[in-house]
Amino acid sequence: GVCAVEDELVMDDEGNISKHQVMRLSFTYDHRLIDGAVAAKF
């Protein structure tokens, strides 16, 4: 599942804040065939 691209403020390790574009992915799988770790690696 592919979701919307959104703007998000991100702070780096030095405390600097910048605007990034982010998108969420929703991955649904059949747990009879695919284990959680296998899905996560993909």
ModelCIF file with pLDDT and N, C-alpha, C, O atoms, coordinates in Angstrom:
data_MODEL
#
_entry.id   MODEL 
#
_entity.id                         1 
_entity.type                       polymer 
_entity.pdbx_number_of_molecules   1 
#
_entity_poly.entity_id                      1 
_entity_poly.type                           'polypeptide(L)' 
_entity_poly.nstd_linkage                   no 
_entity_poly.nstd_monomer                   no 
_entity_poly.pdbx_seq_one_letter_code       GVCAVEDELVMDDEGNISKHQVMRLSFTYDHRLIDGAVAAKF 
_entity_poly.pdbx_seq_one_letter_code_can   GVCAVEDELVMDDEGNISKHQVMRLSFTYDHRLIDGAVAAKF 
_entity_poly.pdbx_strand_id                 A 
#
loop_
_entity_poly_seq.entity_id 
_entity_poly_seq.num 
_entity_poly_seq.mon_id 
_entity_poly_seq.hetero 
1 1  GLY n 
1 2  VAL n 
1 3  CYS n 
1 4  ALA n 
1 5  VAL n 
1 6  GLU n 
1 7  ASP n 
1 8  GLU n 
1 9  LEU n 
1 10 VAL n 
1 11 MET n 
1 12 ASP n 
1 13 ASP n 
1 14 GLU n 
1 15 GLY n 
1 16 ASN n 
1 17 ILE n 
1 18 SER n 
1 19 LYS n 
1 20 HIS n 
1 21 GLN n 
1 22 VAL n 
1 23 MET n 
1 24 ARG n 
1 25 LEU n 
1 26 SER n 
1 27 PHE n 
1 28 THR n 
1 29 TYR n 
1 30 ASP n 
1 31 HIS n 
1 32 ARG n 
1 33 LEU n 
1 34 ILE n 
1 35 ASP n 
1 36 GLY n 
1 37 ALA n 
1 38 VAL n 
1 39 ALA n 
1 40 ALA n 
1 41 LYS n 
1 42 PHE n 
#
_struct_asym.id          A 
_struct_asym.entity_id   1 
#
loop_
_ma_qa_metric.id 
_ma_qa_metric.mode 
_ma_qa_metric.name 
_ma_qa_metric.software_group_id 
_ma_qa_metric.type 
1 global pLDDT . pLDDT 
2 local  pLDDT . pLDDT 
#
_ma_qa_metric_global.metric_id      1 
_ma_qa_metric_global.metric_value   96.07 
_ma_qa_metric_global.model_id       1 
_ma_qa_metric_global.ordinal_id     1 
#
loop_
_ma_qa_metric_local.label_asym_id 
_ma_qa_metric_local.label_comp_id 
_ma_qa_metric_local.label_seq_id 
_ma_qa_metric_local.metric_id 
_ma_qa_metric_local.metric_value 
_ma_qa_metric_local.model_id 
_ma_qa_metric_local.ordinal_id 
A GLY 1  2 98.00 1 1  
A VAL 2  2 98.00 1 2  
A CYS 3  2 97.00 1 3  
A ALA 4  2 97.00 1 4  
A VAL 5  2 96.00 1 5  
A GLU 6  2 96.00 1 6  
A ASP 7  2 96.00 1 7  
A GLU 8  2 95.00 1 8  
A LEU 9  2 94.00 1 9  
A VAL 10 2 91.00 1 10 
A MET 11 2 92.00 1 11 
A ASP 12 2 89.00 1 12 
A ASP 13 2 90.00 1 13 
A GLU 14 2 91.00 1 14 
A GLY 15 2 91.00 1 15 
A ASN 16 2 93.00 1 16 
A ILE 17 2 95.00 1 17 
A SER 18 2 94.00 1 18 
A LYS 19 2 95.00 1 19 
A HIS 20 2 96.00 1 20 
A GLN 21 2 97.00 1 21 
A VAL 22 2 97.00 1 22 
A MET 23 2 97.00 1 23 
A ARG 24 2 98.00 1 24 
A LEU 25 2 98.00 1 25 
A SER 26 2 98.00 1 26 
A PHE 27 2 98.00 1 27 
A THR 28 2 98.00 1 28 
A TYR 29 2 98.00 1 29 
A ASP 30 2 98.00 1 30 
A HIS 31 2 98.00 1 31 
A ARG 32 2 97.00 1 32 
A LEU 33 2 98.00 1 33 
A ILE 34 2 98.00 1 34 
A ASP 35 2 98.00 1 35 
A GLY 36 2 97.00 1 36 
A ALA 37 2 98.00 1 37 
A VAL 38 2 98.00 1 38 
A ALA 39 2 98.00 1 39 
A ALA 40 2 98.00 1 40 
A LYS 41 2 98.00 1 41 
A PHE 42 2 98.00 1 42 
#
loop_
_atom_site.group_PDB 
_atom_site.id 
_atom_site.type_symbol 
_atom_site.label_atom_id 
_atom_site.label_alt_id 
_atom_site.label_comp_id 
_atom_site.label_asym_id 
_atom_site.label_entity_id 
_atom_site.label_seq_id 
_atom_site.pdbx_PDB_ins_code 
_atom_site.Cartn_x 
_atom_site.Cartn_y 
_atom_site.Cartn_z 
_atom_site.occupancy 
_atom_site.B_iso_or_equiv 
_atom_site.pdbx_formal_charge 
_atom_site.auth_seq_id 
_atom_site.auth_comp_id 
_atom_site.auth_asym_id 
_atom_site.auth_atom_id 
_atom_site.pdbx_PDB_model_num 
ATOM 1   N N  . GLY A 1 1  ? 0.833  -1.192  0.000  1.00 98.00 ? 1  GLY A N  1 
ATOM 2   C CA . GLY A 1 1  ? 0.000  0.000   0.000  1.00 98.00 ? 1  GLY A CA 1 
ATOM 3   C C  . GLY A 1 1  ? 0.866  1.239   0.000  1.00 98.00 ? 1  GLY A C  1 
ATOM 4   O O  . GLY A 1 1  ? 1.758  1.377   0.836  1.00 98.00 ? 1  GLY A O  1 
ATOM 5   N N  . VAL A 1 2  ? 0.607  2.149   -0.939 1.00 98.00 ? 2  VAL A N  1 
ATOM 6   C CA . VAL A 1 2  ? 1.399  3.378   -1.084 1.00 98.00 ? 2  VAL A CA 1 
ATOM 7   C C  . VAL A 1 2  ? 0.558  4.561   -0.632 1.00 98.00 ? 2  VAL A C  1 
ATOM 8   O O  . VAL A 1 2  ? -0.575 4.730   -1.083 1.00 98.00 ? 2  VAL A O  1 
ATOM 9   N N  . CYS A 1 3  ? 1.108  5.379   0.258  1.00 97.00 ? 3  CYS A N  1 
ATOM 10  C CA . CYS A 1 3  ? 0.363  6.487   0.841  1.00 97.00 ? 3  CYS A CA 1 
ATOM 11  C C  . CYS A 1 3  ? 0.873  7.838   0.332  1.00 97.00 ? 3  CYS A C  1 
ATOM 12  O O  . CYS A 1 3  ? 1.763  7.900   -0.516 1.00 97.00 ? 3  CYS A O  1 
ATOM 13  N N  . ALA A 1 4  ? 0.301  8.896   0.856  1.00 97.00 ? 4  ALA A N  1 
ATOM 14  C CA . ALA A 1 4  ? 0.569  10.243  0.345  1.00 97.00 ? 4  ALA A CA 1 
ATOM 15  C C  . ALA A 1 4  ? 1.963  10.739  0.723  1.00 97.00 ? 4  ALA A C  1 
ATOM 16  O O  . ALA A 1 4  ? 2.537  10.334  1.734  1.00 97.00 ? 4  ALA A O  1 
ATOM 17  N N  . VAL A 1 5  ? 2.483  11.622  -0.117 1.00 96.00 ? 5  VAL A N  1 
ATOM 18  C CA . VAL A 1 5  ? 3.730  12.324  0.185  1.00 96.00 ? 5  VAL A CA 1 
ATOM 19  C C  . VAL A 1 5  ? 3.382  13.560  1.009  1.00 96.00 ? 5  VAL A C  1 
ATOM 20  O O  . VAL A 1 5  ? 2.521  14.351  0.625  1.00 96.00 ? 5  VAL A O  1 
ATOM 21  N N  . GLU A 1 6  ? 4.064  13.720  2.153  1.00 96.00 ? 6  GLU A N  1 
ATOM 22  C CA . GLU A 1 6  ? 3.763  14.829  3.053  1.00 96.00 ? 6  GLU A CA 1 
ATOM 23  C C  . GLU A 1 6  ? 5.050  15.539  3.459  1.00 96.00 ? 6  GLU A C  1 
ATOM 24  O O  . GLU A 1 6  ? 6.134  14.957  3.451  1.00 96.00 ? 6  GLU A O  1 
ATOM 25  N N  . ASP A 1 7  ? 4.898  16.804  3.810  1.00 96.00 ? 7  ASP A N  1 
ATOM 26  C CA . ASP A 1 7  ? 6.033  17.557  4.340  1.00 96.00 ? 7  ASP A CA 1 
ATOM 27  C C  . ASP A 1 7  ? 6.183  17.278  5.825  1.00 96.00 ? 7  ASP A C  1 
ATOM 28  O O  . ASP A 1 7  ? 5.194  17.142  6.546  1.00 96.00 ? 7  ASP A O  1 
ATOM 29  N N  . GLU A 1 8  ? 7.427  17.195  6.276  1.00 95.00 ? 8  GLU A N  1 
ATOM 30  C CA . GLU A 1 8  ? 7.694  16.923  7.686  1.00 95.00 ? 8  GLU A CA 1 
ATOM 31  C C  . GLU A 1 8  ? 8.992  17.611  8.094  1.00 95.00 ? 8  GLU A C  1 
ATOM 32  O O  . GLU A 1 8  ? 9.975  17.591  7.354  1.00 95.00 ? 8  GLU A O  1 
ATOM 33  N N  . LEU A 1 9  ? 8.986  18.213  9.264  1.00 94.00 ? 9  LEU A N  1 
ATOM 34  C CA . LEU A 1 9  ? 10.191 18.858  9.779  1.00 94.00 ? 9  LEU A CA 1 
ATOM 35  C C  . LEU A 1 9  ? 11.060 17.803  10.452 1.00 94.00 ? 9  LEU A C  1 
ATOM 36  O O  . LEU A 1 9  ? 10.582 17.011  11.265 1.00 94.00 ? 9  LEU A O  1 
ATOM 37  N N  . VAL A 1 10 ? 12.349 17.805  10.098 1.00 91.00 ? 10 VAL A N  1 
ATOM 38  C CA . VAL A 1 10 ? 13.286 16.807  10.605 1.00 91.00 ? 10 VAL A CA 1 
ATOM 39  C C  . VAL A 1 10 ? 14.463 17.511  11.269 1.00 91.00 ? 10 VAL A C  1 
ATOM 40  O O  . VAL A 1 10 ? 15.014 18.469  10.725 1.00 91.00 ? 10 VAL A O  1 
ATOM 41  N N  . MET A 1 11 ? 14.843 17.025  12.450 1.00 92.00 ? 11 MET A N  1 
ATOM 42  C CA . MET A 1 11 ? 16.000 17.568  13.166 1.00 92.00 ? 11 MET A CA 1 
ATOM 43  C C  . MET A 1 11 ? 17.164 16.602  13.017 1.00 92.00 ? 11 MET A C  1 
ATOM 44  O O  . MET A 1 11 ? 17.027 15.410  13.292 1.00 92.00 ? 11 MET A O  1 
ATOM 45  N N  . ASP A 1 12 ? 18.324 17.120  12.576 1.00 89.00 ? 12 ASP A N  1 
ATOM 46  C CA . ASP A 1 12 ? 19.491 16.251  12.423 1.00 89.00 ? 12 ASP A CA 1 
ATOM 47  C C  . ASP A 1 12 ? 20.244 16.123  13.741 1.00 89.00 ? 12 ASP A C  1 
ATOM 48  O O  . ASP A 1 12 ? 19.825 16.663  14.765 1.00 89.00 ? 12 ASP A O  1 
ATOM 49  N N  . ASP A 1 13 ? 21.347 15.413  13.702 1.00 90.00 ? 13 ASP A N  1 
ATOM 50  C CA . ASP A 1 13 ? 22.109 15.142  14.934 1.00 90.00 ? 13 ASP A CA 1 
ATOM 51  C C  . ASP A 1 13 ? 22.668 16.404  15.570 1.00 90.00 ? 13 ASP A C  1 
ATOM 52  O O  . ASP A 1 13 ? 22.964 16.421  16.764 1.00 90.00 ? 13 ASP A O  1 
ATOM 53  N N  . GLU A 1 14 ? 22.812 17.444  14.792 1.00 91.00 ? 14 GLU A N  1 
ATOM 54  C CA . GLU A 1 14 ? 23.372 18.698  15.312 1.00 91.00 ? 14 GLU A CA 1 
ATOM 55  C C  . GLU A 1 14 ? 22.281 19.688  15.711 1.00 91.00 ? 14 GLU A C  1 
ATOM 56  O O  . GLU A 1 14 ? 22.574 20.830  16.061 1.00 91.00 ? 14 GLU A O  1 
ATOM 57  N N  . GLY A 1 15 ? 21.062 19.264  15.659 1.00 91.00 ? 15 GLY A N  1 
ATOM 58  C CA . GLY A 1 15 ? 19.969 20.133  16.085 1.00 91.00 ? 15 GLY A CA 1 
ATOM 59  C C  . GLY A 1 15 ? 19.423 21.036  15.004 1.00 91.00 ? 15 GLY A C  1 
ATOM 60  O O  . GLY A 1 15 ? 18.584 21.892  15.286 1.00 91.00 ? 15 GLY A O  1 
ATOM 61  N N  . ASN A 1 16 ? 19.873 20.869  13.778 1.00 93.00 ? 16 ASN A N  1 
ATOM 62  C CA . ASN A 1 16 ? 19.357 21.681  12.677 1.00 93.00 ? 16 ASN A CA 1 
ATOM 63  C C  . ASN A 1 16 ? 18.029 21.108  12.180 1.00 93.00 ? 16 ASN A C  1 
ATOM 64  O O  . ASN A 1 16 ? 17.876 19.895  12.032 1.00 93.00 ? 16 ASN A O  1 
ATOM 65  N N  . ILE A 1 17 ? 17.084 21.995  11.928 1.00 95.00 ? 17 ILE A N  1 
ATOM 66  C CA . ILE A 1 17 ? 15.748 21.578  11.482 1.00 95.00 ? 17 ILE A CA 1 
ATOM 67  C C  . ILE A 1 17 ? 15.578 21.923  10.004 1.00 95.00 ? 17 ILE A C  1 
ATOM 68  O O  . ILE A 1 17 ? 15.874 23.038  9.574  1.00 95.00 ? 17 ILE A O  1 
ATOM 69  N N  . SER A 1 18 ? 15.103 20.962  9.247  1.00 94.00 ? 18 SER A N  1 
ATOM 70  C CA . SER A 1 18 ? 14.859 21.175  7.821  1.00 94.00 ? 18 SER A CA 1 
ATOM 71  C C  . SER A 1 18 ? 13.586 20.445  7.402  1.00 94.00 ? 18 SER A C  1 
ATOM 72  O O  . SER A 1 18 ? 13.128 19.517  8.068  1.00 94.00 ? 18 SER A O  1 
ATOM 73  N N  . LYS A 1 19 ? 13.031 20.892  6.280  1.00 95.00 ? 19 LYS A N  1 
ATOM 74  C CA . LYS A 1 19 ? 11.801 20.279  5.779  1.00 95.00 ? 19 LYS A CA 1 
ATOM 75  C C  . LYS A 1 19 ? 12.141 19.122  4.848  1.00 95.00 ? 19 LYS A C  1 
ATOM 76  O O  . LYS A 1 19 ? 12.945 19.264  3.927  1.00 95.00 ? 19 LYS A O  1 
ATOM 77  N N  . HIS A 1 20 ? 11.522 17.986  5.098  1.00 96.00 ? 20 HIS A N  1 
ATOM 78  C CA . HIS A 1 20 ? 11.690 16.805  4.255  1.00 96.00 ? 20 HIS A CA 1 
ATOM 79  C C  . HIS A 1 20 ? 10.327 16.359  3.738  1.00 96.00 ? 20 HIS A C  1 
ATOM 80  O O  . HIS A 1 20 ? 9.283  16.730  4.276  1.00 96.00 ? 20 HIS A O  1 
ATOM 81  N N  . GLN A 1 21 ? 10.365 15.569  2.701  1.00 97.00 ? 21 GLN A N  1 
ATOM 82  C CA . GLN A 1 21 ? 9.141  14.957  2.177  1.00 97.00 ? 21 GLN A CA 1 
ATOM 83  C C  . GLN A 1 21 ? 9.156  13.471  2.519  1.00 97.00 ? 21 GLN A C  1 
ATOM 84  O O  . GLN A 1 21 ? 10.122 12.765  2.232  1.00 97.00 ? 21 GLN A O  1 
ATOM 85  N N  . VAL A 1 22 ? 8.078  13.009  3.132  1.00 97.00 ? 22 VAL A N  1 
ATOM 86  C CA . VAL A 1 22 ? 8.017  11.620  3.585  1.00 97.00 ? 22 VAL A CA 1 
ATOM 87  C C  . VAL A 1 22 ? 6.769  10.938  3.027  1.00 97.00 ? 22 VAL A C  1 
ATOM 88  O O  . VAL A 1 22 ? 5.780  11.583  2.678  1.00 97.00 ? 22 VAL A O  1 
ATOM 89  N N  . MET A 1 23 ? 6.854  9.631   2.960  1.00 97.00 ? 23 MET A N  1 
ATOM 90  C CA . MET A 1 23 ? 5.742  8.825   2.475  1.00 97.00 ? 23 MET A CA 1 
ATOM 91  C C  . MET A 1 23 ? 5.719  7.526   3.272  1.00 97.00 ? 23 MET A C  1 
ATOM 92  O O  . MET A 1 23 ? 6.769  6.962   3.579  1.00 97.00 ? 23 MET A O  1 
ATOM 93  N N  . ARG A 1 24 ? 4.536  7.060   3.602  1.00 98.00 ? 24 ARG A N  1 
ATOM 94  C CA . ARG A 1 24 ? 4.413  5.802   4.340  1.00 98.00 ? 24 ARG A CA 1 
ATOM 95  C C  . ARG A 1 24 ? 4.027  4.665   3.402  1.00 98.00 ? 24 ARG A C  1 
ATOM 96  O O  . ARG A 1 24 ? 3.244  4.838   2.469  1.00 98.00 ? 24 ARG A O  1 
ATOM 97  N N  . LEU A 1 25 ? 4.597  3.505   3.677  1.00 98.00 ? 25 LEU A N  1 
ATOM 98  C CA . LEU A 1 25 ? 4.283  2.291   2.951  1.00 98.00 ? 25 LEU A CA 1 
ATOM 99  C C  . LEU A 1 25 ? 3.608  1.317   3.906  1.00 98.00 ? 25 LEU A C  1 
ATOM 100 O O  . LEU A 1 25 ? 4.043  1.155   5.046  1.00 98.00 ? 25 LEU A O  1 
ATOM 101 N N  . SER A 1 26 ? 2.549  0.670   3.442  1.00 98.00 ? 26 SER A N  1 
ATOM 102 C CA . SER A 1 26 ? 1.837  -0.330  4.240  1.00 98.00 ? 26 SER A CA 1 
ATOM 103 C C  . SER A 1 26 ? 1.958  -1.670  3.511  1.00 98.00 ? 26 SER A C  1 
ATOM 104 O O  . SER A 1 26 ? 1.424  -1.846  2.415  1.00 98.00 ? 26 SER A O  1 
ATOM 105 N N  . PHE A 1 27 ? 2.661  -2.599  4.131  1.00 98.00 ? 27 PHE A N  1 
ATOM 106 C CA . PHE A 1 27 ? 2.944  -3.883  3.500  1.00 98.00 ? 27 PHE A CA 1 
ATOM 107 C C  . PHE A 1 27 ? 2.166  -4.983  4.220  1.00 98.00 ? 27 PHE A C  1 
ATOM 108 O O  . PHE A 1 27 ? 2.475  -5.328  5.360  1.00 98.00 ? 27 PHE A O  1 
ATOM 109 N N  . THR A 1 28 ? 1.146  -5.533  3.537  1.00 98.00 ? 28 THR A N  1 
ATOM 110 C CA . THR A 1 28 ? 0.334  -6.606  4.108  1.00 98.00 ? 28 THR A CA 1 
ATOM 111 C C  . THR A 1 28 ? 0.746  -7.930  3.479  1.00 98.00 ? 28 THR A C  1 
ATOM 112 O O  . THR A 1 28 ? 0.914  -8.015  2.262  1.00 98.00 ? 28 THR A O  1 
ATOM 113 N N  . TYR A 1 29 ? 0.910  -8.967  4.305  1.00 98.00 ? 29 TYR A N  1 
ATOM 114 C CA . TYR A 1 29 ? 1.357  -10.256 3.791  1.00 98.00 ? 29 TYR A CA 1 
ATOM 115 C C  . TYR A 1 29 ? 0.635  -11.405 4.478  1.00 98.00 ? 29 TYR A C  1 
ATOM 116 O O  . TYR A 1 29 ? 0.077  -11.254 5.565  1.00 98.00 ? 29 TYR A O  1 
ATOM 117 N N  . ASP A 1 30 ? 0.660  -12.549 3.821  1.00 98.00 ? 30 ASP A N  1 
ATOM 118 C CA . ASP A 1 30 ? 0.055  -13.780 4.317  1.00 98.00 ? 30 ASP A CA 1 
ATOM 119 C C  . ASP A 1 30 ? 1.044  -14.431 5.278  1.00 98.00 ? 30 ASP A C  1 
ATOM 120 O O  . ASP A 1 30 ? 2.098  -14.911 4.861  1.00 98.00 ? 30 ASP A O  1 
ATOM 121 N N  . HIS A 1 31 ? 0.700  -14.445 6.565  1.00 98.00 ? 31 HIS A N  1 
ATOM 122 C CA . HIS A 1 31 ? 1.643  -14.926 7.573  1.00 98.00 ? 31 HIS A CA 1 
ATOM 123 C C  . HIS A 1 31 ? 1.839  -16.443 7.513  1.00 98.00 ? 31 HIS A C  1 
ATOM 124 O O  . HIS A 1 31 ? 2.728  -16.973 8.180  1.00 98.00 ? 31 HIS A O  1 
ATOM 125 N N  . ARG A 1 32 ? 1.031  -17.141 6.731  1.00 97.00 ? 32 ARG A N  1 
ATOM 126 C CA . ARG A 1 32 ? 1.266  -18.575 6.539  1.00 97.00 ? 32 ARG A CA 1 
ATOM 127 C C  . ARG A 1 32 ? 2.508  -18.808 5.695  1.00 97.00 ? 32 ARG A C  1 
ATOM 128 O O  . ARG A 1 32 ? 3.163  -19.844 5.807  1.00 97.00 ? 32 ARG A O  1 
ATOM 129 N N  . LEU A 1 33 ? 2.829  -17.825 4.839  1.00 98.00 ? 33 LEU A N  1 
ATOM 130 C CA . LEU A 1 33 ? 3.917  -17.991 3.878  1.00 98.00 ? 33 LEU A CA 1 
ATOM 131 C C  . LEU A 1 33 ? 5.113  -17.087 4.151  1.00 98.00 ? 33 LEU A C  1 
ATOM 132 O O  . LEU A 1 33 ? 6.245  -17.427 3.809  1.00 98.00 ? 33 LEU A O  1 
ATOM 133 N N  . ILE A 1 34 ? 4.863  -15.950 4.759  1.00 98.00 ? 34 ILE A N  1 
ATOM 134 C CA . ILE A 1 34 ? 5.923  -14.959 4.962  1.00 98.00 ? 34 ILE A CA 1 
ATOM 135 C C  . ILE A 1 34 ? 6.000  -14.632 6.446  1.00 98.00 ? 34 ILE A C  1 
ATOM 136 O O  . ILE A 1 34 ? 4.998  -14.289 7.072  1.00 98.00 ? 34 ILE A O  1 
ATOM 137 N N  . ASP A 1 35 ? 7.193  -14.743 6.995  1.00 98.00 ? 35 ASP A N  1 
ATOM 138 C CA . ASP A 1 35 ? 7.411  -14.405 8.405  1.00 98.00 ? 35 ASP A CA 1 
ATOM 139 C C  . ASP A 1 35 ? 7.685  -12.916 8.550  1.00 98.00 ? 35 ASP A C  1 
ATOM 140 O O  . ASP A 1 35 ? 8.018  -12.228 7.585  1.00 98.00 ? 35 ASP A O  1 
ATOM 141 N N  . GLY A 1 36 ? 7.537  -12.438 9.773  1.00 97.00 ? 36 GLY A N  1 
ATOM 142 C CA . GLY A 1 36 ? 7.704  -11.010 10.028 1.00 97.00 ? 36 GLY A CA 1 
ATOM 143 C C  . GLY A 1 36 ? 9.079  -10.491 9.670  1.00 97.00 ? 36 GLY A C  1 
ATOM 144 O O  . GLY A 1 36 ? 9.201  -9.403  9.107  1.00 97.00 ? 36 GLY A O  1 
ATOM 145 N N  . ALA A 1 37 ? 10.122 -11.252 9.988  1.00 98.00 ? 37 ALA A N  1 
ATOM 146 C CA . ALA A 1 37 ? 11.482 -10.801 9.692  1.00 98.00 ? 37 ALA A CA 1 
ATOM 147 C C  . ALA A 1 37 ? 11.727 -10.742 8.188  1.00 98.00 ? 37 ALA A C  1 
ATOM 148 O O  . ALA A 1 37 ? 12.388 -9.828  7.694  1.00 98.00 ? 37 ALA A O  1 
ATOM 149 N N  . VAL A 1 38 ? 11.189 -11.726 7.462  1.00 98.00 ? 38 VAL A N  1 
ATOM 150 C CA . VAL A 1 38 ? 11.331 -11.733 6.000  1.00 98.00 ? 38 VAL A CA 1 
ATOM 151 C C  . VAL A 1 38 ? 10.641 -10.514 5.401  1.00 98.00 ? 38 VAL A C  1 
ATOM 152 O O  . VAL A 1 38 ? 11.186 -9.848  4.521  1.00 98.00 ? 38 VAL A O  1 
ATOM 153 N N  . ALA A 1 39 ? 9.428  -10.228 5.890  1.00 98.00 ? 39 ALA A N  1 
ATOM 154 C CA . ALA A 1 39 ? 8.688  -9.062  5.410  1.00 98.00 ? 39 ALA A CA 1 
ATOM 155 C C  . ALA A 1 39 ? 9.450  -7.776  5.719  1.00 98.00 ? 39 ALA A C  1 
ATOM 156 O O  . ALA A 1 39 ? 9.531  -6.884  4.875  1.00 98.00 ? 39 ALA A O  1 
ATOM 157 N N  . ALA A 1 40 ? 10.007 -7.678  6.920  1.00 98.00 ? 40 ALA A N  1 
ATOM 158 C CA . ALA A 1 40 ? 10.718 -6.465  7.319  1.00 98.00 ? 40 ALA A CA 1 
ATOM 159 C C  . ALA A 1 40 ? 11.945 -6.229  6.442  1.00 98.00 ? 40 ALA A C  1 
ATOM 160 O O  . ALA A 1 40 ? 12.238 -5.089  6.080  1.00 98.00 ? 40 ALA A O  1 
ATOM 161 N N  . LYS A 1 41 ? 12.659 -7.293  6.102  1.00 98.00 ? 41 LYS A N  1 
ATOM 162 C CA . LYS A 1 41 ? 13.839 -7.142  5.243  1.00 98.00 ? 41 LYS A CA 1 
ATOM 163 C C  . LYS A 1 41 ? 13.447 -6.624  3.861  1.00 98.00 ? 41 LYS A C  1 
ATOM 164 O O  . LYS A 1 41 ? 14.147 -5.801  3.271  1.00 98.00 ? 41 LYS A O  1 
ATOM 165 N N  . PHE A 1 42 ? 12.319 -7.118  3.356  1.00 98.00 ? 42 PHE A N  1 
ATOM 166 C CA . PHE A 1 42 ? 11.852 -6.635  2.057  1.00 98.00 ? 42 PHE A CA 1 
ATOM 167 C C  . PHE A 1 42 ? 11.484 -5.160  2.124  1.00 98.00 ? 42 PHE A C  1 
ATOM 168 O O  . PHE A 1 42 ? 11.069 -4.581  1.120  1.00 98.00 ? 42 PHE A O  1 
#
